[in-house]
Amino acid sequence: MAAREAGVAVRSALISLCLVLAAGCGAGSSPEVEEGPDGTPDPVLVAGRAIFVDRCSSCHDADGSGTGDGPRLNRGRVLEVYPEPGDAAVVVSEGRNRMPAFGGLLTAGEVDAVLRYINEVL
């Protein structure tokens, strides 16, 4: 009987954990790139958004608010901290502190695209 009760308790805990994780996954999404005057979104910003969602949002949150493991990136924060063009690209490429280096994973164009998305959309 004790084994059955323990099994029920474990299943209940797993179900609760799954519900919490599922709620967290849908908590927010990265902002879409707005359409330009020609009615289509800037393809570089669209590419930057895809990279951000894939590589950055798990630490910096979907909206760049930084409530996860990484610092806030949205609302011009990156430009405040790195006003010189290229300084933020060095951090993305080479890493810093807990930030991993993405230079071997992303091209220079992809780094520029994700930084444009962060600076122009988030």
N, C-alpha and C. Protein backbone atom coordinates (compact mmCIF):
# COMPACT_ATOMS: atom_id res chain seq x y z
N MET A 1 0.81 -1.19 0.00
CA MET A 1 0.00 0.00 0.00
C MET A 1 0.86 1.26 0.00
N ALA A 2 1.96 1.25 0.77
CA ALA A 2 2.84 2.42 0.84
C ALA A 2 3.48 2.70 -0.51
N ALA A 3 3.84 1.62 -1.23
CA ALA A 3 4.44 1.80 -2.56
C ALA A 3 3.45 2.44 -3.53
N ARG A 4 2.19 2.04 -3.43
CA ARG A 4 1.16 2.63 -4.30
C ARG A 4 0.98 4.12 -4.00
N GLU A 5 0.95 4.47 -2.72
CA GLU A 5 0.79 5.88 -2.32
C GLU A 5 2.00 6.70 -2.78
N ALA A 6 3.19 6.11 -2.69
CA ALA A 6 4.40 6.80 -3.14
C ALA A 6 4.34 7.03 -4.64
N GLY A 7 3.85 6.02 -5.38
CA GLY A 7 3.73 6.15 -6.83
C GLY A 7 2.75 7.26 -7.21
N VAL A 8 1.64 7.35 -6.48
CA VAL A 8 0.65 8.40 -6.73
C VAL A 8 1.26 9.77 -6.44
N ALA A 9 2.02 9.87 -5.36
CA ALA A 9 2.66 11.14 -5.01
C ALA A 9 3.66 11.56 -6.08
N VAL A 10 4.44 10.61 -6.59
CA VAL A 10 5.43 10.92 -7.63
C VAL A 10 4.71 11.37 -8.91
N ARG A 11 3.66 10.65 -9.30
CA ARG A 11 2.91 11.04 -10.50
C ARG A 11 2.31 12.44 -10.33
N SER A 12 1.77 12.72 -9.16
CA SER A 12 1.19 14.05 -8.92
C SER A 12 2.25 15.13 -9.02
N ALA A 13 3.43 14.86 -8.47
CA ALA A 13 4.52 15.84 -8.53
C ALA A 13 4.96 16.06 -9.98
N LEU A 14 5.05 14.98 -10.76
CA LEU A 14 5.45 15.10 -12.16
C LEU A 14 4.41 15.88 -12.97
N ILE A 15 3.15 15.62 -12.72
CA ILE A 15 2.09 16.35 -13.42
C ILE A 15 2.16 17.83 -13.07
N SER A 16 2.37 18.15 -11.80
CA SER A 16 2.49 19.55 -11.39
C SER A 16 3.67 20.22 -12.06
N LEU A 17 4.80 19.52 -12.11
CA LEU A 17 6.00 20.07 -12.75
C LEU A 17 5.75 20.32 -14.23
N CYS A 18 5.11 19.38 -14.90
CA CYS A 18 4.80 19.55 -16.33
C CYS A 18 3.89 20.75 -16.56
N LEU A 19 2.92 20.95 -15.69
CA LEU A 19 2.02 22.10 -15.85
C LEU A 19 2.76 23.42 -15.65
N VAL A 20 3.67 23.46 -14.68
CA VAL A 20 4.46 24.67 -14.45
C VAL A 20 5.35 24.95 -15.65
N LEU A 21 6.01 23.91 -16.17
CA LEU A 21 6.89 24.10 -17.32
C LEU A 21 6.11 24.52 -18.56
N ALA A 22 4.96 23.92 -18.76
CA ALA A 22 4.14 24.29 -19.92
C ALA A 22 3.67 25.73 -19.81
N ALA A 23 3.32 26.16 -18.64
CA ALA A 23 2.90 27.56 -18.45
C ALA A 23 4.05 28.51 -18.73
N GLY A 24 5.26 28.12 -18.31
CA GLY A 24 6.43 28.96 -18.55
C GLY A 24 6.78 29.07 -20.01
N CYS A 25 6.56 28.01 -20.77
CA CYS A 25 6.88 28.04 -22.20
C CYS A 25 5.99 29.00 -22.96
N GLY A 26 4.77 29.15 -22.53
CA GLY A 26 3.86 30.04 -23.23
C GLY A 26 3.78 31.41 -22.61
N ALA A 27 4.68 31.70 -21.66
CA ALA A 27 4.59 32.94 -20.90
C ALA A 27 4.76 34.17 -21.77
N GLY A 28 5.51 34.08 -22.82
CA GLY A 28 5.72 35.24 -23.66
C GLY A 28 6.38 34.83 -24.95
N SER A 29 6.36 35.72 -25.90
CA SER A 29 7.04 35.42 -27.14
C SER A 29 7.82 36.64 -27.57
N SER A 30 8.80 36.40 -28.39
CA SER A 30 9.61 37.50 -28.89
C SER A 30 8.78 38.35 -29.84
N PRO A 31 8.89 39.67 -29.71
CA PRO A 31 8.11 40.55 -30.59
C PRO A 31 8.39 40.27 -32.07
N GLU A 32 7.35 40.33 -32.85
CA GLU A 32 7.48 40.16 -34.30
C GLU A 32 8.10 41.42 -34.89
N VAL A 33 8.68 41.28 -36.06
CA VAL A 33 9.22 42.41 -36.80
C VAL A 33 8.07 43.06 -37.57
N GLU A 34 7.90 44.35 -37.38
CA GLU A 34 6.81 45.05 -38.07
C GLU A 34 7.09 45.18 -39.56
N GLU A 35 6.02 45.29 -40.31
CA GLU A 35 6.16 45.48 -41.76
C GLU A 35 6.67 46.89 -42.04
N GLY A 36 7.46 46.99 -43.08
CA GLY A 36 7.97 48.28 -43.50
C GLY A 36 7.01 48.96 -44.46
N PRO A 37 7.42 50.09 -45.04
CA PRO A 37 6.56 50.83 -45.96
C PRO A 37 6.12 50.01 -47.18
N ASP A 38 6.93 49.03 -47.54
CA ASP A 38 6.58 48.20 -48.71
C ASP A 38 5.65 47.04 -48.35
N GLY A 39 5.27 46.95 -47.06
CA GLY A 39 4.35 45.90 -46.64
C GLY A 39 5.00 44.60 -46.22
N THR A 40 6.34 44.55 -46.23
CA THR A 40 7.05 43.35 -45.80
C THR A 40 8.03 43.72 -44.69
N PRO A 41 8.29 42.79 -43.78
CA PRO A 41 9.27 43.06 -42.73
C PRO A 41 10.70 43.00 -43.28
N ASP A 42 11.59 43.73 -42.64
CA ASP A 42 13.01 43.73 -43.01
C ASP A 42 13.55 42.31 -42.83
N PRO A 43 14.07 41.69 -43.89
CA PRO A 43 14.54 40.30 -43.79
C PRO A 43 15.70 40.12 -42.81
N VAL A 44 16.52 41.13 -42.63
CA VAL A 44 17.63 41.02 -41.67
C VAL A 44 17.07 40.97 -40.25
N LEU A 45 16.06 41.80 -39.97
CA LEU A 45 15.45 41.78 -38.64
C LEU A 45 14.71 40.46 -38.40
N VAL A 46 14.08 39.92 -39.43
CA VAL A 46 13.40 38.62 -39.31
C VAL A 46 14.43 37.54 -38.98
N ALA A 47 15.57 37.56 -39.66
CA ALA A 47 16.64 36.60 -39.37
C ALA A 47 17.17 36.80 -37.95
N GLY A 48 17.33 38.06 -37.55
CA GLY A 48 17.79 38.37 -36.19
C GLY A 48 16.84 37.85 -35.14
N ARG A 49 15.54 37.98 -35.40
CA ARG A 49 14.54 37.47 -34.46
C ARG A 49 14.66 35.96 -34.33
N ALA A 50 14.83 35.26 -35.45
CA ALA A 50 14.95 33.80 -35.41
C ALA A 50 16.17 33.38 -34.59
N ILE A 51 17.27 34.09 -34.76
CA ILE A 51 18.49 33.79 -34.01
C ILE A 51 18.25 34.09 -32.52
N PHE A 52 17.62 35.22 -32.23
CA PHE A 52 17.34 35.58 -30.83
C PHE A 52 16.49 34.51 -30.16
N VAL A 53 15.42 34.09 -30.84
CA VAL A 53 14.53 33.07 -30.28
C VAL A 53 15.31 31.77 -30.04
N ASP A 54 16.14 31.39 -30.98
CA ASP A 54 16.87 30.13 -30.91
C ASP A 54 18.04 30.16 -29.92
N ARG A 55 18.78 31.26 -29.89
CA ARG A 55 20.04 31.28 -29.15
C ARG A 55 20.04 32.15 -27.89
N CYS A 56 19.16 33.14 -27.80
CA CYS A 56 19.28 34.14 -26.74
C CYS A 56 18.14 34.14 -25.73
N SER A 57 16.94 33.83 -26.19
CA SER A 57 15.76 34.01 -25.34
C SER A 57 15.74 33.10 -24.11
N SER A 58 16.43 31.97 -24.16
CA SER A 58 16.40 31.08 -22.99
C SER A 58 17.07 31.73 -21.78
N CYS A 59 18.02 32.61 -22.00
CA CYS A 59 18.68 33.30 -20.88
C CYS A 59 18.16 34.73 -20.70
N HIS A 60 17.87 35.41 -21.80
CA HIS A 60 17.48 36.82 -21.74
C HIS A 60 15.97 37.03 -21.83
N ASP A 61 15.21 35.96 -21.87
CA ASP A 61 13.75 35.96 -21.97
C ASP A 61 13.29 36.36 -23.37
N ALA A 62 12.11 35.93 -23.70
CA ALA A 62 11.56 36.13 -25.05
C ALA A 62 11.46 37.60 -25.42
N ASP A 63 11.18 38.45 -24.45
CA ASP A 63 11.05 39.88 -24.73
C ASP A 63 12.31 40.67 -24.39
N GLY A 64 13.38 39.96 -24.02
CA GLY A 64 14.64 40.63 -23.70
C GLY A 64 14.67 41.27 -22.33
N SER A 65 13.68 40.97 -21.49
CA SER A 65 13.58 41.62 -20.18
C SER A 65 14.62 41.14 -19.18
N GLY A 66 15.26 40.02 -19.46
CA GLY A 66 16.35 39.55 -18.61
C GLY A 66 15.94 39.06 -17.25
N THR A 67 14.74 38.54 -17.11
CA THR A 67 14.35 38.01 -15.81
C THR A 67 14.83 36.58 -15.62
N GLY A 68 15.53 36.04 -16.61
CA GLY A 68 16.10 34.70 -16.50
C GLY A 68 17.54 34.78 -16.03
N ASP A 69 18.43 33.99 -16.62
CA ASP A 69 19.83 33.96 -16.22
C ASP A 69 20.63 35.13 -16.77
N GLY A 70 20.21 35.70 -17.88
CA GLY A 70 20.97 36.77 -18.51
C GLY A 70 20.41 38.14 -18.19
N PRO A 71 21.22 39.17 -18.41
CA PRO A 71 20.75 40.53 -18.13
C PRO A 71 19.73 41.03 -19.15
N ARG A 72 19.08 42.12 -18.81
CA ARG A 72 18.09 42.75 -19.68
C ARG A 72 18.78 43.28 -20.94
N LEU A 73 18.13 43.06 -22.08
CA LEU A 73 18.65 43.54 -23.36
C LEU A 73 17.70 44.53 -24.03
N ASN A 74 16.45 44.55 -23.61
CA ASN A 74 15.44 45.33 -24.32
C ASN A 74 15.46 46.81 -23.94
N ARG A 75 14.62 47.57 -24.62
CA ARG A 75 14.44 49.01 -24.40
C ARG A 75 15.74 49.79 -24.45
N GLY A 76 16.58 49.46 -25.41
CA GLY A 76 17.81 50.21 -25.63
C GLY A 76 18.94 49.91 -24.67
N ARG A 77 18.79 48.91 -23.84
CA ARG A 77 19.80 48.60 -22.83
C ARG A 77 21.16 48.27 -23.45
N VAL A 78 21.17 47.52 -24.54
CA VAL A 78 22.44 47.14 -25.16
C VAL A 78 23.17 48.39 -25.65
N LEU A 79 22.44 49.32 -26.25
CA LEU A 79 23.08 50.55 -26.73
C LEU A 79 23.57 51.42 -25.58
N GLU A 80 22.90 51.37 -24.44
CA GLU A 80 23.36 52.11 -23.26
C GLU A 80 24.69 51.56 -22.77
N VAL A 81 24.78 50.24 -22.69
CA VAL A 81 25.97 49.59 -22.14
C VAL A 81 27.11 49.56 -23.16
N TYR A 82 26.75 49.39 -24.45
CA TYR A 82 27.75 49.30 -25.52
C TYR A 82 27.43 50.34 -26.60
N PRO A 83 27.73 51.61 -26.34
CA PRO A 83 27.39 52.65 -27.32
C PRO A 83 28.23 52.61 -28.60
N GLU A 84 29.40 52.01 -28.53
CA GLU A 84 30.26 51.92 -29.71
C GLU A 84 29.82 50.74 -30.56
N PRO A 85 29.56 50.99 -31.84
CA PRO A 85 29.17 49.86 -32.70
C PRO A 85 30.26 48.81 -32.69
N GLY A 86 29.95 47.62 -32.59
CA GLY A 86 30.95 46.56 -32.60
C GLY A 86 31.29 46.03 -31.22
N ASP A 87 31.13 46.83 -30.16
CA ASP A 87 31.45 46.34 -28.82
C ASP A 87 30.51 45.21 -28.41
N ALA A 88 29.22 45.36 -28.69
CA ALA A 88 28.27 44.30 -28.36
C ALA A 88 28.54 43.07 -29.23
N ALA A 89 28.97 43.29 -30.47
CA ALA A 89 29.29 42.17 -31.36
C ALA A 89 30.46 41.35 -30.81
N VAL A 90 31.40 42.02 -30.18
CA VAL A 90 32.53 41.31 -29.57
C VAL A 90 32.03 40.42 -28.43
N VAL A 91 31.11 40.94 -27.62
CA VAL A 91 30.57 40.14 -26.52
C VAL A 91 29.82 38.92 -27.05
N VAL A 92 29.00 39.13 -28.07
CA VAL A 92 28.26 38.00 -28.65
C VAL A 92 29.23 36.98 -29.25
N SER A 93 30.23 37.46 -29.96
CA SER A 93 31.18 36.56 -30.63
C SER A 93 32.13 35.85 -29.67
N GLU A 94 32.66 36.61 -28.69
CA GLU A 94 33.70 36.06 -27.81
C GLU A 94 33.18 35.62 -26.45
N GLY A 95 31.97 36.05 -26.09
CA GLY A 95 31.43 35.73 -24.78
C GLY A 95 32.00 36.64 -23.70
N ARG A 96 31.37 36.61 -22.55
CA ARG A 96 31.87 37.38 -21.40
C ARG A 96 31.14 36.87 -20.16
N ASN A 97 31.88 36.68 -19.08
CA ASN A 97 31.32 36.16 -17.84
C ASN A 97 30.54 34.87 -18.13
N ARG A 98 29.23 34.82 -17.83
CA ARG A 98 28.44 33.62 -18.08
C ARG A 98 27.92 33.54 -19.50
N MET A 99 28.11 34.58 -20.29
CA MET A 99 27.64 34.60 -21.68
C MET A 99 28.59 33.74 -22.52
N PRO A 100 28.05 32.71 -23.19
CA PRO A 100 28.91 31.88 -24.03
C PRO A 100 29.31 32.61 -25.31
N ALA A 101 30.39 32.16 -25.91
CA ALA A 101 30.85 32.72 -27.18
C ALA A 101 30.06 32.09 -28.32
N PHE A 102 29.52 32.92 -29.20
CA PHE A 102 28.76 32.44 -30.35
C PHE A 102 29.51 32.64 -31.66
N GLY A 103 30.76 33.12 -31.58
CA GLY A 103 31.54 33.38 -32.78
C GLY A 103 31.74 32.17 -33.66
N GLY A 104 31.85 31.00 -33.07
CA GLY A 104 32.01 29.78 -33.85
C GLY A 104 30.69 29.22 -34.36
N LEU A 105 29.59 29.77 -33.87
CA LEU A 105 28.27 29.27 -34.25
C LEU A 105 27.52 30.21 -35.19
N LEU A 106 27.82 31.50 -35.10
CA LEU A 106 27.14 32.49 -35.91
C LEU A 106 28.13 33.22 -36.80
N THR A 107 27.71 33.56 -37.99
CA THR A 107 28.55 34.38 -38.87
C THR A 107 28.50 35.82 -38.38
N ALA A 108 29.38 36.65 -38.89
CA ALA A 108 29.36 38.07 -38.54
C ALA A 108 28.03 38.70 -38.94
N GLY A 109 27.49 38.29 -40.07
CA GLY A 109 26.20 38.81 -40.52
C GLY A 109 25.07 38.41 -39.58
N GLU A 110 25.13 37.19 -39.05
CA GLU A 110 24.10 36.74 -38.10
C GLU A 110 24.21 37.48 -36.77
N VAL A 111 25.44 37.74 -36.34
CA VAL A 111 25.64 38.53 -35.11
C VAL A 111 25.06 39.92 -35.32
N ASP A 112 25.35 40.53 -36.45
CA ASP A 112 24.80 41.86 -36.75
C ASP A 112 23.27 41.82 -36.80
N ALA A 113 22.70 40.77 -37.38
CA ALA A 113 21.24 40.66 -37.49
C ALA A 113 20.59 40.56 -36.12
N VAL A 114 21.15 39.74 -35.24
CA VAL A 114 20.54 39.59 -33.91
C VAL A 114 20.69 40.88 -33.11
N LEU A 115 21.81 41.57 -33.27
CA LEU A 115 21.98 42.84 -32.56
C LEU A 115 21.03 43.91 -33.11
N ARG A 116 20.81 43.91 -34.40
CA ARG A 116 19.82 44.84 -34.97
C ARG A 116 18.43 44.55 -34.41
N TYR A 117 18.08 43.26 -34.34
CA TYR A 117 16.77 42.90 -33.78
C TYR A 117 16.65 43.37 -32.34
N ILE A 118 17.68 43.12 -31.54
CA ILE A 118 17.65 43.53 -30.13
C ILE A 118 17.51 45.05 -30.03
N ASN A 119 18.30 45.77 -30.80
CA ASN A 119 18.31 47.23 -30.70
C ASN A 119 17.11 47.91 -31.35
N GLU A 120 16.58 47.35 -32.41
CA GLU A 120 15.52 48.00 -33.15
C GLU A 120 14.11 47.49 -32.83
N VAL A 121 14.00 46.26 -32.33
CA VAL A 121 12.68 45.69 -32.10
C VAL A 121 12.39 45.52 -30.61
N LEU A 122 13.38 45.00 -29.87
CA LEU A 122 13.13 44.77 -28.43
C LEU A 122 13.10 46.08 -27.73
